[in-house]
Amino acid sequence: MTVPARISIVTIGVSDLARSTKFYEALGWKKSASSSAAISFFRTAGGVLALYPFDLLAEDATLPALRSPGFGGVTLAINVERAEDVQPSLDAAAKAGAKILKPAMNADWGGVSGYFADPDGYPWEIAWNPHSSFKPDGSLDVR
């Protein structure tokens, strides 16, 4: 047997579930009816984003609950259909309470990208790639 090549849910550990849930709702994301007081789910074009208390997520994974400042080795990305959508998306994230890490700028790979951090510091890239295409549901079409 092989492991299926798919990402169904990305769960991020948050320090304040209510605050983080409000932040993602302020981005315009719709919370799933499957959410509860213990976990929030957001449907996206590519899968599901789940928010869960940091300590409980670490416990579930049987890992120490150690937070450290700086880069944690993972970024999350939102690809947009047009280059001119990158900065307004970053501006909308800032309005929702995000910290802008890097404004929209031309990237050495030929696109445009910028970064924001959510309330727990998770870095999100907003990018336009001239070589990307999208499926009708808005998910990225990688070939």
C-alpha atoms as a PDB file:
ATOM      1  CA  MET A   1       0.000   0.000   0.000  1.00  0.00           C
ATOM      2  CA  THR A   2       1.078   3.579  -0.608  1.00  0.00           C
ATOM      3  CA  VAL A   3       0.034   6.747   1.188  1.00  0.00           C
ATOM      4  CA  PRO A   4      -2.514   8.731  -0.870  1.00  0.00           C
ATOM      5  CA  ALA A   5      -0.998  11.959  -2.253  1.00  0.00           C
ATOM      6  CA  ARG A   6      -3.502  14.444  -0.909  1.00  0.00           C
ATOM      7  CA  ILE A   7      -3.810  17.013   1.819  1.00  0.00           C
ATOM      8  CA  SER A   8      -7.284  16.857   3.274  1.00  0.00           C
ATOM      9  CA  ILE A   9      -6.928  19.048   6.358  1.00  0.00           C
ATOM     10  CA  VAL A  10      -4.252  21.427   7.591  1.00  0.00           C
ATOM     11  CA  THR A  11      -4.651  21.916  11.333  1.00  0.00           C
ATOM     12  CA  ILE A  12      -2.831  24.773  12.996  1.00  0.00           C
ATOM     13  CA  GLY A  13      -2.390  25.026  16.735  1.00  0.00           C
ATOM     14  CA  VAL A  14      -3.667  28.338  18.053  1.00  0.00           C
ATOM     15  CA  SER A  15      -3.272  30.059  21.411  1.00  0.00           C
ATOM     16  CA  ASP A  16      -6.814  31.515  21.457  1.00  0.00           C
ATOM     17  CA  LEU A  17      -9.370  29.580  19.395  1.00  0.00           C
ATOM     18  CA  ALA A  18     -12.056  32.293  19.523  1.00  0.00           C
ATOM     19  CA  ARG A  19      -9.611  35.041  18.446  1.00  0.00           C
ATOM     20  CA  SER A  20      -8.220  32.971  15.582  1.00  0.00           C
ATOM     21  CA  THR A  21     -11.682  31.923  14.436  1.00  0.00           C
ATOM     22  CA  LYS A  22     -12.765  35.577  14.332  1.00  0.00           C
ATOM     23  CA  PHE A  23      -9.627  36.455  12.345  1.00  0.00           C
ATOM     24  CA  TYR A  24     -10.298  33.885   9.620  1.00  0.00           C
ATOM     25  CA  GLU A  25     -13.959  34.899   9.519  1.00  0.00           C
ATOM     26  CA  ALA A  26     -12.791  38.522   9.094  1.00  0.00           C
ATOM     27  CA  LEU A  27     -10.853  37.362   6.020  1.00  0.00           C
ATOM     28  CA  GLY A  28     -14.255  36.389   4.626  1.00  0.00           C
ATOM     29  CA  TRP A  29     -13.806  32.651   5.143  1.00  0.00           C
ATOM     30  CA  LYS A  30     -16.898  30.655   6.073  1.00  0.00           C
ATOM     31  CA  LYS A  31     -16.753  28.468   9.166  1.00  0.00           C
ATOM     32  CA  SER A  32     -18.120  24.979   8.584  1.00  0.00           C
ATOM     33  CA  ALA A  33     -21.181  23.749  10.457  1.00  0.00           C
ATOM     34  CA  SER A  34     -18.942  20.872  11.583  1.00  0.00           C
ATOM     35  CA  SER A  35     -17.121  23.325  13.857  1.00  0.00           C
ATOM     36  CA  SER A  36     -17.622  23.236  17.609  1.00  0.00           C
ATOM     37  CA  ALA A  37     -16.438  25.072  20.720  1.00  0.00           C
ATOM     38  CA  ALA A  38     -13.329  22.852  20.604  1.00  0.00           C
ATOM     39  CA  ILE A  39     -12.298  23.198  16.930  1.00  0.00           C
ATOM     40  CA  SER A  40     -13.041  25.421  13.933  1.00  0.00           C
ATOM     41  CA  PHE A  41     -13.116  24.188  10.348  1.00  0.00           C
ATOM     42  CA  PHE A  42     -12.960  26.385   7.257  1.00  0.00           C
ATOM     43  CA  ARG A  43     -13.617  24.999   3.782  1.00  0.00           C
ATOM     44  CA  THR A  44     -11.160  26.226   1.165  1.00  0.00           C
ATOM     45  CA  ALA A  45     -10.814  25.548  -2.539  1.00  0.00           C
ATOM     46  CA  GLY A  46      -7.981  23.118  -1.824  1.00  0.00           C
ATOM     47  CA  GLY A  47      -9.012  21.367   1.373  1.00  0.00           C
ATOM     48  CA  VAL A  48      -9.940  22.232   4.933  1.00  0.00           C
ATOM     49  CA  LEU A  49      -8.191  24.528   7.392  1.00  0.00           C
ATOM     50  CA  ALA A  50      -8.730  23.512  11.011  1.00  0.00           C
ATOM     51  CA  LEU A  51      -7.935  25.603  14.087  1.00  0.00           C
ATOM     52  CA  TYR A  52      -7.303  23.717  17.331  1.00  0.00           C
ATOM     53  CA  PRO A  53      -5.724  24.711  20.653  1.00  0.00           C
ATOM     54  CA  PHE A  54      -1.926  24.509  20.385  1.00  0.00           C
ATOM     55  CA  ASP A  55      -1.295  22.462  23.542  1.00  0.00           C
ATOM     56  CA  LEU A  56      -4.032  19.948  22.686  1.00  0.00           C
ATOM     57  CA  LEU A  57      -2.748  19.560  19.139  1.00  0.00           C
ATOM     58  CA  ALA A  58       0.787  18.895  20.409  1.00  0.00           C
ATOM     59  CA  GLU A  59      -0.598  16.377  22.904  1.00  0.00           C
ATOM     60  CA  ASP A  60      -2.597  14.619  20.183  1.00  0.00           C
ATOM     61  CA  ALA A  61       0.554  14.308  18.060  1.00  0.00           C
ATOM     62  CA  THR A  62       2.520  13.155  21.123  1.00  0.00           C
ATOM     63  CA  LEU A  63       4.970  16.044  20.711  1.00  0.00           C
ATOM     64  CA  PRO A  64       6.202  18.568  23.267  1.00  0.00           C
ATOM     65  CA  ALA A  65       4.216  21.819  23.168  1.00  0.00           C
ATOM     66  CA  LEU A  66       7.177  24.093  22.491  1.00  0.00           C
ATOM     67  CA  ARG A  67       6.609  27.439  20.825  1.00  0.00           C
ATOM     68  CA  SER A  68       9.642  29.202  19.527  1.00  0.00           C
ATOM     69  CA  PRO A  69       9.935  32.603  17.908  1.00  0.00           C
ATOM     70  CA  GLY A  70      10.947  32.866  14.282  1.00  0.00           C
ATOM     71  CA  PHE A  71      10.388  30.684  11.282  1.00  0.00           C
ATOM     72  CA  GLY A  72       8.946  27.242  11.986  1.00  0.00           C
ATOM     73  CA  GLY A  73       9.767  25.702   8.606  1.00  0.00           C
ATOM     74  CA  VAL A  74       6.261  25.834   7.082  1.00  0.00           C
ATOM     75  CA  THR A  75       4.334  28.428   5.117  1.00  0.00           C
ATOM     76  CA  LEU A  76       0.772  28.306   3.874  1.00  0.00           C
ATOM     77  CA  ALA A  77      -0.086  29.771   0.485  1.00  0.00           C
ATOM     78  CA  ILE A  78      -3.048  31.299  -1.281  1.00  0.00           C
ATOM     79  CA  ASN A  79      -2.634  31.612  -5.034  1.00  0.00           C
ATOM     80  CA  VAL A  80      -4.631  34.300  -6.798  1.00  0.00           C
ATOM     81  CA  GLU A  81      -5.609  34.568 -10.429  1.00  0.00           C
ATOM     82  CA  ARG A  82      -4.087  38.004 -11.168  1.00  0.00           C
ATOM     83  CA  ALA A  83      -0.904  39.797 -10.135  1.00  0.00           C
ATOM     84  CA  GLU A  84      -2.899  42.875  -9.184  1.00  0.00           C
ATOM     85  CA  ASP A  85      -4.846  40.807  -6.608  1.00  0.00           C
ATOM     86  CA  VAL A  86      -1.814  40.156  -4.373  1.00  0.00           C
ATOM     87  CA  GLN A  87      -1.497  43.519  -2.580  1.00  0.00           C
ATOM     88  CA  PRO A  88      -5.254  44.063  -2.079  1.00  0.00           C
ATOM     89  CA  SER A  89      -5.429  40.565  -0.564  1.00  0.00           C
ATOM     90  CA  LEU A  90      -2.594  41.464   1.797  1.00  0.00           C
ATOM     91  CA  ASP A  91      -4.381  44.718   2.649  1.00  0.00           C
ATOM     92  CA  ALA A  92      -7.572  42.775   3.444  1.00  0.00           C
ATOM     93  CA  ALA A  93      -5.584  40.443   5.704  1.00  0.00           C
ATOM     94  CA  ALA A  94      -4.087  43.453   7.505  1.00  0.00           C
ATOM     95  CA  LYS A  95      -7.560  44.915   7.971  1.00  0.00           C
ATOM     96  CA  ALA A  96      -8.632  41.600   9.545  1.00  0.00           C
ATOM     97  CA  GLY A  97      -5.732  41.874  12.011  1.00  0.00           C
ATOM     98  CA  ALA A  98      -2.808  40.221  10.225  1.00  0.00           C
ATOM     99  CA  LYS A  99       0.738  41.493  10.419  1.00  0.00           C
ATOM    100  CA  ILE A 100       2.238  42.110   6.982  1.00  0.00           C
ATOM    101  CA  LEU A 101       5.583  40.334   6.793  1.00  0.00           C
ATOM    102  CA  LYS A 102       6.429  41.258   3.198  1.00  0.00           C
ATOM    103  CA  PRO A 103       4.466  43.511   0.835  1.00  0.00           C
ATOM    104  CA  ALA A 104       3.633  42.349  -2.664  1.00  0.00           C
ATOM    105  CA  MET A 105       6.726  42.346  -4.841  1.00  0.00           C
ATOM    106  CA  ASN A 106       8.016  40.756  -7.996  1.00  0.00           C
ATOM    107  CA  ALA A 107       9.535  37.363  -7.269  1.00  0.00           C
ATOM    108  CA  ASP A 108      12.655  35.931  -8.876  1.00  0.00           C
ATOM    109  CA  TRP A 109      10.551  33.027 -10.208  1.00  0.00           C
ATOM    110  CA  GLY A 110       8.493  35.419 -12.342  1.00  0.00           C
ATOM    111  CA  GLY A 111       5.408  35.994 -10.224  1.00  0.00           C
ATOM    112  CA  VAL A 112       4.291  38.374  -7.506  1.00  0.00           C
ATOM    113  CA  SER A 113       4.084  37.455  -3.841  1.00  0.00           C
ATOM    114  CA  GLY A 114       3.861  38.827  -0.331  1.00  0.00           C
ATOM    115  CA  TYR A 115       3.360  37.434   3.170  1.00  0.00           C
ATOM    116  CA  PHE A 116       1.197  38.057   6.203  1.00  0.00           C
ATOM    117  CA  ALA A 117       1.139  36.440   9.634  1.00  0.00           C
ATOM    118  CA  ASP A 118      -2.056  35.359  11.341  1.00  0.00           C
ATOM    119  CA  PRO A 119      -2.642  36.084  15.068  1.00  0.00           C
ATOM    120  CA  ASP A 120      -0.423  33.132  16.062  1.00  0.00           C
ATOM    121  CA  GLY A 121       2.346  34.121  13.680  1.00  0.00           C
ATOM    122  CA  TYR A 122       1.718  31.490  11.008  1.00  0.00           C
ATOM    123  CA  PRO A 123       3.075  32.865   7.721  1.00  0.00           C
ATOM    124  CA  TRP A 124       0.710  32.944   4.763  1.00  0.00           C
ATOM    125  CA  GLU A 125       1.966  33.735   1.280  1.00  0.00           C
ATOM    126  CA  ILE A 126      -0.333  35.362  -1.241  1.00  0.00           C
ATOM    127  CA  ALA A 127       1.039  34.713  -4.687  1.00  0.00           C
ATOM    128  CA  TRP A 128       0.318  35.057  -8.357  1.00  0.00           C
ATOM    129  CA  ASN A 129       2.213  32.706 -10.632  1.00  0.00           C
ATOM    130  CA  PRO A 130       2.060  33.393 -14.384  1.00  0.00           C
ATOM    131  CA  HIS A 131       2.292  29.654 -15.024  1.00  0.00           C
ATOM    132  CA  SER A 132      -0.601  28.648 -12.753  1.00  0.00           C
ATOM    133  CA  SER A 133      -4.114  27.822 -13.744  1.00  0.00           C
ATOM    134  CA  PHE A 134      -7.190  27.205 -11.646  1.00  0.00           C
ATOM    135  CA  LYS A 135      -9.993  24.685 -11.649  1.00  0.00           C
ATOM    136  CA  PRO A 136     -13.591  25.964 -11.708  1.00  0.00           C
ATOM    137  CA  ASP A 137     -13.812  25.523  -7.906  1.00  0.00           C
ATOM    138  CA  GLY A 138     -10.859  27.922  -7.419  1.00  0.00           C
ATOM    139  CA  SER A 139      -8.333  25.251  -6.503  1.00  0.00           C
ATOM    140  CA  LEU A 140      -4.910  25.292  -8.087  1.00  0.00           C
ATOM    141  CA  ASP A 141      -4.580  23.105 -11.174  1.00  0.00           C
ATOM    142  CA  VAL A 142      -1.081  21.600 -11.017  1.00  0.00           C
ATOM    143  CA  ARG A 143      -0.168  19.214 -13.763  1.00  0.00           C
END
